[in-house]
Every structure is written in C-alpha cells, then in structure tokens.
Amino acid sequence: GSPAEWMLMELQGEVVSRQNIGLAGGQMGDLHYTKEGIPVLLIGHHILYGKVVKLEKPFAVLVKHSGLPEGTEDDMETGEEKPTSYQVSALIKRKIIFKTRPKPIITNVPKKV
C-alpha cells in the first residue's frame, strides 16, 4: 500500500517540560480543530491557534534496513551481506504553523460574595 501521510508541526520559541526530562516519547499537548478547520494546540494552561500550509517540497520518512541478517554478527566473514536499503514509511506534504504567542487559558471562577 501507499505510505502513511504525516504532518509537520512548527512552533515559534521553545517548549520546555516542567520536569526537565525532555519531550522525546512524551505527550506535548492536545491538538484539536475548530469547526472551520483551524488547528488549536493546548499545552498545559496555554492555547495556540495555527494554520495548515502545504510544503513546497514534501519530506519522506525513511526506515533504514541494514544489509546484515538479523542476529548474526559472526557471519561477517561469509560475505553474504545484502546492501543497505531504505523503506519509505510516511510522506509529509503539509505542516501546521503556530506563529502566535501562546495565550493563557483563563477559566471563569465565580467569586464568592
């Protein structure tokens, strides 16, 4: 079948985790879309509005397949090594740009009289 289509996300500034453990493999926030199709990113107590644009040149996400048979480091001298190959696992044709500064999410808390 055809490869999956991914979307790139472009943020202005820096995103830092509260625990200082990095963002790799973690959840950064929640991505939603308005009825009009405008992307809305919720990160903690902040909200960002973005727009979807088409990339001038699409990106391909590649998975490298080593030429060595799996689990056989000792077979180096047999010379039965296949050439390294790459498989396209996804294409990126569009990106979401968040240009504006995050706005704080303020909830209406009724004041006690």
C-alpha atoms as a PDB file:
ATOM      1  CA  GLY A   1       0.000   0.000   0.000  1.00  0.00           C
ATOM      2  CA  SER A   2       0.925   3.632  -0.083  1.00  0.00           C
ATOM      3  CA  PRO A   3       2.859   5.153   2.836  1.00  0.00           C
ATOM      4  CA  ALA A   4       1.051   6.986   5.636  1.00  0.00           C
ATOM      5  CA  GLU A   5       0.782  10.768   5.494  1.00  0.00           C
ATOM      6  CA  TRP A   6       2.226  12.619   8.473  1.00  0.00           C
ATOM      7  CA  MET A   7       2.051  16.320   9.281  1.00  0.00           C
ATOM      8  CA  LEU A   8       4.902  18.511  10.474  1.00  0.00           C
ATOM      9  CA  MET A   9       4.335  20.887  13.397  1.00  0.00           C
ATOM     10  CA  GLU A  10       6.195  24.205  13.531  1.00  0.00           C
ATOM     11  CA  LEU A  11       6.282  26.176  16.769  1.00  0.00           C
ATOM     12  CA  GLN A  12       7.917  29.534  17.457  1.00  0.00           C
ATOM     13  CA  GLY A  13      10.044  29.741  20.598  1.00  0.00           C
ATOM     14  CA  GLU A  14      10.948  26.932  22.947  1.00  0.00           C
ATOM     15  CA  VAL A  15       8.878  24.175  24.549  1.00  0.00           C
ATOM     16  CA  VAL A  16      10.296  23.000  27.891  1.00  0.00           C
ATOM     17  CA  SER A  17       8.899  20.243  30.095  1.00  0.00           C
ATOM     18  CA  ARG A  18       8.117  21.093  33.709  1.00  0.00           C
ATOM     19  CA  GLN A  19      10.059  18.094  34.997  1.00  0.00           C
ATOM     20  CA  ASN A  20      13.144  18.941  32.857  1.00  0.00           C
ATOM     21  CA  ILE A  21      13.176  15.382  31.470  1.00  0.00           C
ATOM     22  CA  GLY A  22      12.896  16.298  27.794  1.00  0.00           C
ATOM     23  CA  LEU A  23       9.975  15.791  25.415  1.00  0.00           C
ATOM     24  CA  ALA A  24      11.078  12.709  23.462  1.00  0.00           C
ATOM     25  CA  GLY A  25       8.445   9.974  23.577  1.00  0.00           C
ATOM     26  CA  GLY A  26       6.136  12.042  25.764  1.00  0.00           C
ATOM     27  CA  GLN A  27       2.888  13.844  25.155  1.00  0.00           C
ATOM     28  CA  MET A  28       3.351  17.544  24.497  1.00  0.00           C
ATOM     29  CA  GLY A  29      -0.274  18.623  24.380  1.00  0.00           C
ATOM     30  CA  ASP A  30      -3.614  18.102  22.655  1.00  0.00           C
ATOM     31  CA  LEU A  31      -4.286  19.014  19.026  1.00  0.00           C
ATOM     32  CA  HIS A  32      -7.859  19.887  18.076  1.00  0.00           C
ATOM     33  CA  TYR A  33      -9.543  21.545  15.109  1.00  0.00           C
ATOM     34  CA  THR A  34     -12.314  24.147  15.146  1.00  0.00           C
ATOM     35  CA  LYS A  35     -15.443  23.638  13.014  1.00  0.00           C
ATOM     36  CA  GLU A  36     -13.749  25.921  10.465  1.00  0.00           C
ATOM     37  CA  GLY A  37     -10.696  23.605  10.323  1.00  0.00           C
ATOM     38  CA  ILE A  38      -8.324  25.854  12.304  1.00  0.00           C
ATOM     39  CA  PRO A  39      -5.778  23.822  14.330  1.00  0.00           C
ATOM     40  CA  VAL A  40      -5.791  24.531  18.077  1.00  0.00           C
ATOM     41  CA  LEU A  41      -2.955  23.249  20.270  1.00  0.00           C
ATOM     42  CA  LEU A  42      -3.462  23.009  24.034  1.00  0.00           C
ATOM     43  CA  ILE A  43      -0.240  22.780  26.048  1.00  0.00           C
ATOM     44  CA  GLY A  44      -0.733  22.877  29.806  1.00  0.00           C
ATOM     45  CA  HIS A  45      -2.649  26.076  30.580  1.00  0.00           C
ATOM     46  CA  HIS A  46      -1.869  27.657  27.203  1.00  0.00           C
ATOM     47  CA  ILE A  47      -3.673  27.681  23.872  1.00  0.00           C
ATOM     48  CA  LEU A  48      -2.173  28.259  20.416  1.00  0.00           C
ATOM     49  CA  TYR A  49      -4.001  28.836  17.129  1.00  0.00           C
ATOM     50  CA  GLY A  50      -2.340  27.760  13.915  1.00  0.00           C
ATOM     51  CA  LYS A  51      -2.857  27.222  10.217  1.00  0.00           C
ATOM     52  CA  VAL A  52      -2.188  24.323   7.834  1.00  0.00           C
ATOM     53  CA  VAL A  53       0.069  25.051   4.852  1.00  0.00           C
ATOM     54  CA  LYS A  54       1.330  22.887   2.007  1.00  0.00           C
ATOM     55  CA  LEU A  55       5.093  22.285   1.936  1.00  0.00           C
ATOM     56  CA  GLU A  56       6.991  23.461  -1.155  1.00  0.00           C
ATOM     57  CA  LYS A  57       8.905  20.177  -1.196  1.00  0.00           C
ATOM     58  CA  PRO A  58       7.478  17.119   0.588  1.00  0.00           C
ATOM     59  CA  PHE A  59       9.573  15.093   3.041  1.00  0.00           C
ATOM     60  CA  ALA A  60       9.883  11.304   3.080  1.00  0.00           C
ATOM     61  CA  VAL A  61      10.237   9.447   6.402  1.00  0.00           C
ATOM     62  CA  LEU A  62      12.685   6.600   5.832  1.00  0.00           C
ATOM     63  CA  VAL A  63      13.384   3.411   7.784  1.00  0.00           C
ATOM     64  CA  LYS A  64      16.900   2.045   7.307  1.00  0.00           C
ATOM     65  CA  HIS A  65      17.282  -1.701   6.828  1.00  0.00           C
ATOM     66  CA  SER A  66      20.837  -2.887   7.481  1.00  0.00           C
ATOM     67  CA  GLY A  67      22.309  -5.323   4.988  1.00  0.00           C
ATOM     68  CA  LEU A  68      23.309  -7.743   7.755  1.00  0.00           C
ATOM     69  CA  PRO A  69      20.980 -10.644   8.588  1.00  0.00           C
ATOM     70  CA  GLU A  70      19.344 -10.104  11.987  1.00  0.00           C
ATOM     71  CA  GLY A  71      21.184 -11.500  14.989  1.00  0.00           C
ATOM     72  CA  THR A  72      24.212 -12.692  13.031  1.00  0.00           C
ATOM     73  CA  GLU A  73      27.235 -10.574  13.860  1.00  0.00           C
ATOM     74  CA  ASP A  74      29.520 -13.639  13.394  1.00  0.00           C
ATOM     75  CA  ASP A  75      28.589 -14.038   9.713  1.00  0.00           C
ATOM     76  CA  MET A  76      30.731 -11.069   8.659  1.00  0.00           C
ATOM     77  CA  GLU A  77      33.341 -13.287   7.030  1.00  0.00           C
ATOM     78  CA  THR A  78      30.812 -15.257   4.923  1.00  0.00           C
ATOM     79  CA  GLY A  79      30.287 -12.228   2.714  1.00  0.00           C
ATOM     80  CA  GLU A  80      26.533 -12.826   2.389  1.00  0.00           C
ATOM     81  CA  GLU A  81      25.790  -9.217   3.167  1.00  0.00           C
ATOM     82  CA  LYS A  82      22.890  -7.565   1.345  1.00  0.00           C
ATOM     83  CA  PRO A  83      23.154  -3.870   0.503  1.00  0.00           C
ATOM     84  CA  THR A  84      21.611  -1.444   2.980  1.00  0.00           C
ATOM     85  CA  SER A  85      18.112  -0.427   1.903  1.00  0.00           C
ATOM     86  CA  TYR A  86      15.618   2.250   2.915  1.00  0.00           C
ATOM     87  CA  GLN A  87      11.847   1.936   3.079  1.00  0.00           C
ATOM     88  CA  VAL A  88       9.530   4.957   2.858  1.00  0.00           C
ATOM     89  CA  SER A  89       7.241   4.673   5.880  1.00  0.00           C
ATOM     90  CA  ALA A  90       5.489   8.061   5.592  1.00  0.00           C
ATOM     91  CA  LEU A  91       5.252  11.217   3.493  1.00  0.00           C
ATOM     92  CA  ILE A  92       4.969  14.749   4.903  1.00  0.00           C
ATOM     93  CA  LYS A  93       3.207  17.096   2.466  1.00  0.00           C
ATOM     94  CA  ARG A  94       1.710  19.647   4.884  1.00  0.00           C
ATOM     95  CA  LYS A  95       2.654  21.395   8.110  1.00  0.00           C
ATOM     96  CA  ILE A  96       0.817  23.190  10.876  1.00  0.00           C
ATOM     97  CA  ILE A  97       2.384  26.551  11.751  1.00  0.00           C
ATOM     98  CA  PHE A  98       1.784  28.112  15.158  1.00  0.00           C
ATOM     99  CA  LYS A  99       3.159  31.667  14.724  1.00  0.00           C
ATOM    100  CA  THR A 100       1.420  33.491  17.538  1.00  0.00           C
ATOM    101  CA  ARG A 101       2.449  33.529  21.189  1.00  0.00           C
ATOM    102  CA  PRO A 102       0.538  31.119  23.445  1.00  0.00           C
ATOM    103  CA  LYS A 103      -2.457  32.645  25.199  1.00  0.00           C
ATOM    104  CA  PRO A 104      -3.182  31.641  28.802  1.00  0.00           C
ATOM    105  CA  ILE A 105      -6.380  29.672  29.323  1.00  0.00           C
ATOM    106  CA  ILE A 106      -8.393  31.552  31.944  1.00  0.00           C
ATOM    107  CA  THR A 107     -11.464  29.926  33.376  1.00  0.00           C
ATOM    108  CA  ASN A 108     -14.299  31.932  34.838  1.00  0.00           C
ATOM    109  CA  VAL A 109     -14.272  31.216  38.541  1.00  0.00           C
ATOM    110  CA  PRO A 110     -17.331  32.651  40.266  1.00  0.00           C
ATOM    111  CA  LYS A 111     -16.318  34.930  43.137  1.00  0.00           C
ATOM    112  CA  LYS A 112     -17.921  34.263  46.489  1.00  0.00           C
ATOM    113  CA  VAL A 113     -19.913  37.256  47.739  1.00  0.00           C
END
